[in-house]
Amino acid sequence: MGKRISLCLVLVAFALPSMAGKVEEAQKVVKDTCAKDIDKDTAVRLVKELFLSCSPGSKVDVQGCSVPCQKSTSGAVIGQ
């Protein structure tokens, strides 16, 4: 039982920092493109749309503004 809890804590510890950089990047892209400030909760929800489920070169609608997809390589669309 203790090993399972330790494993879960390790997974969470590695997952949170990798997501944190994308959240700030999402906020920056929206601010640069749309001149809008978005809070971290909204940016967390946008990470999937901006970095994972869009196609490179396409636009993503963010609160009435078109933001370029931030996915760097084409390939399988995740989450659809």
Protein backbone atom coordinates (compact mmCIF):
# COMPACT_ATOMS: atom_id res chain seq x y z
CA MET A 1 0.00 0.00 0.00
CA GLY A 2 2.82 2.42 0.85
CA LYS A 3 4.49 1.78 -2.50
CA ARG A 4 1.32 2.70 -4.36
CA ILE A 5 1.00 5.98 -2.52
CA SER A 6 4.67 6.75 -3.17
CA LEU A 7 4.24 5.96 -6.85
CA CYS A 8 1.22 8.26 -7.09
CA LEU A 9 3.11 11.09 -5.40
CA VAL A 10 6.04 10.67 -7.78
CA LEU A 11 3.74 10.74 -10.82
CA VAL A 12 2.00 13.89 -9.60
CA ALA A 13 5.34 15.54 -8.86
CA PHE A 14 6.53 14.97 -12.43
CA ALA A 15 3.22 15.85 -14.11
CA LEU A 16 2.65 19.25 -12.50
CA PRO A 17 5.89 20.98 -13.58
CA SER A 18 5.50 19.88 -17.19
CA MET A 19 2.00 21.33 -17.30
CA ALA A 20 3.04 24.57 -15.58
CA GLY A 21 5.21 25.76 -18.47
CA LYS A 22 2.39 25.21 -20.95
CA VAL A 23 -0.04 27.21 -18.80
CA GLU A 24 2.20 30.27 -18.82
CA GLU A 25 2.86 29.78 -22.52
CA ALA A 26 -0.89 29.66 -23.22
CA GLN A 27 -1.38 32.88 -21.24
CA LYS A 28 1.44 34.56 -23.19
CA VAL A 29 0.13 33.47 -26.60
CA VAL A 30 -3.38 34.76 -25.83
CA LYS A 31 -1.99 38.04 -24.49
CA ASP A 32 0.31 38.54 -27.51
CA THR A 33 -2.30 37.55 -30.10
CA CYS A 34 -5.52 38.92 -28.61
CA ALA A 35 -4.31 41.52 -26.09
CA LYS A 36 -6.37 39.70 -23.45
CA ASP A 37 -5.29 38.53 -20.03
CA ILE A 38 -6.60 35.11 -19.02
CA ASP A 39 -6.39 33.55 -15.58
CA LYS A 40 -4.53 30.32 -14.86
CA ASP A 41 -7.71 28.23 -14.61
CA THR A 42 -8.74 29.24 -18.13
CA ALA A 43 -5.20 28.68 -19.41
CA VAL A 44 -5.16 25.16 -17.95
CA ARG A 45 -8.28 24.34 -19.95
CA LEU A 46 -6.73 25.83 -23.10
CA VAL A 47 -3.56 23.72 -22.94
CA LYS A 48 -5.34 20.74 -24.51
CA GLU A 49 -6.78 22.85 -27.32
CA LEU A 50 -3.65 24.88 -28.05
CA PHE A 51 -0.98 22.19 -27.70
CA LEU A 52 -2.59 18.77 -28.17
CA SER A 53 -5.84 18.55 -30.10
CA CYS A 54 -5.32 21.13 -32.86
CA SER A 55 -3.51 20.74 -36.17
CA PRO A 56 -0.32 22.74 -36.76
CA GLY A 57 -1.06 25.86 -38.78
CA SER A 58 -4.73 25.98 -37.77
CA LYS A 59 -6.41 28.54 -35.52
CA VAL A 60 -8.07 27.91 -32.16
CA ASP A 61 -10.95 30.08 -30.96
CA VAL A 62 -10.23 31.58 -27.55
CA GLN A 63 -12.99 33.80 -26.17
CA GLY A 64 -13.84 35.18 -29.62
CA CYS A 65 -10.25 35.55 -30.79
CA SER A 66 -8.29 33.26 -33.15
CA VAL A 67 -5.00 32.01 -31.71
CA PRO A 68 -2.54 29.93 -33.76
CA CYS A 69 -2.18 26.27 -32.81
CA GLN A 70 0.94 25.78 -30.69
CA LYS A 71 1.44 22.12 -31.61
CA SER A 72 4.88 21.91 -33.19
CA THR A 73 4.54 18.67 -35.15
CA SER A 74 1.76 17.10 -37.11
CA GLY A 75 0.59 13.65 -36.18
CA ALA A 76 -2.21 12.01 -34.28
CA VAL A 77 -4.76 14.37 -32.80
CA ILE A 78 -4.99 13.65 -29.08
CA GLY A 79 -8.22 13.69 -27.15
CA GLN A 80 -10.75 13.39 -29.94
